[in-house]
Amino acid sequence: MEEEQEKPKIETEKVDIIGPVEETAPEETSQTKVALPTFDKESWNPKTSLGKKVKSGEINNIDFILDNGMKILESELVDVLVPELETELLMAGQSKGKFGGGKRRIFRQTQKKTKEGNKPHFATIAVVGNRDGYIGLGYGKSKETVPAREKSIRNAKLNLFKVRRGCGSWQCDCKQPHSIPFEVSGKCGSVRVILMPAPKGSGLKVEKECQKILGLAGIKDVWSRTSGQTRSKINHINACEDALKKLMSTKVNEMDIQNTGIKEGSIKKIELEENKNE
């Protein structure tokens, strides 16, 4: 019998490992702040009569639409009239984890049990605002994350509304629109949110997600009190939105406007109009 050929030996180098080796989990790519591309008015083809009037220049003020109760059906309309909007996604969901779940995330995941398997759905809540009296919130849900985010941003622009600001705090009495003019409360489910005027320098003493909403609305100082099942973030956010809407629906007289310095909508526009009249 022929002798078996010897296999060549492969020399290996020994490498010393210093410290334990840990597996790094992939970082979450989702961010709360969303940078939107610049809107091109010339390429916009409006489908509603209101959108055609905005593109032609017949309507050039968002206050005219909101004050007359006109329904906004195209998000591009808001991009034209309020170009300085900022967009942010709220932490309404929670990742999977032990003992009640992991850290907060912008996507709220649910799934449906079927014979074919699990069908997941993703939901997001977006808030848009110019930090000067205009705010809007929107809810979007889809089978994928990107369409859900786009839906929420589009719905937030369609739900845009004005916010009243002033100084209703007896500790301050500066008559400048840095806070809210009077106490308001909002409710959704079992959650109730009460917003109260605060003096200058107090900051936003509210829940983190409500801080984002009030900050984009242009409110700088406020106190709050909450009750109910506040861990349900969607109800908590909707209750805060309900409270802000009541600022506009509450009737005020001229004496209250002078005592608290109430301003509706954009303060920059009001100051420009006052300078022109002078």
Foldseek 3Di string as FASTA:
>chain_A
DDDDDDDDDDDDDDDDDDDDDDDDDDDDPDFFWDDDDQDDLVPDDDDDPVQVCLSVPVDQAPCVCQVVVHADDFLVSLCRNPVQKTKGWFQQAFAADPDPGHDTDQWHKDWDQDPVGIQIKTKTKMKMANLFFKIFIAIAMDSDDVRRVVRGVSRRSRRMHGFKFFACDPVAQPGDRQAANAWFWFFFDFKIKIKGGDHPPQFDQDDPRLSVRCRRNNHGDIHMDMDDPVVNPVRVVRGSVRRRVVSVVDDDDPVSCVRTNMDMGGPVVVVVVVVVVD
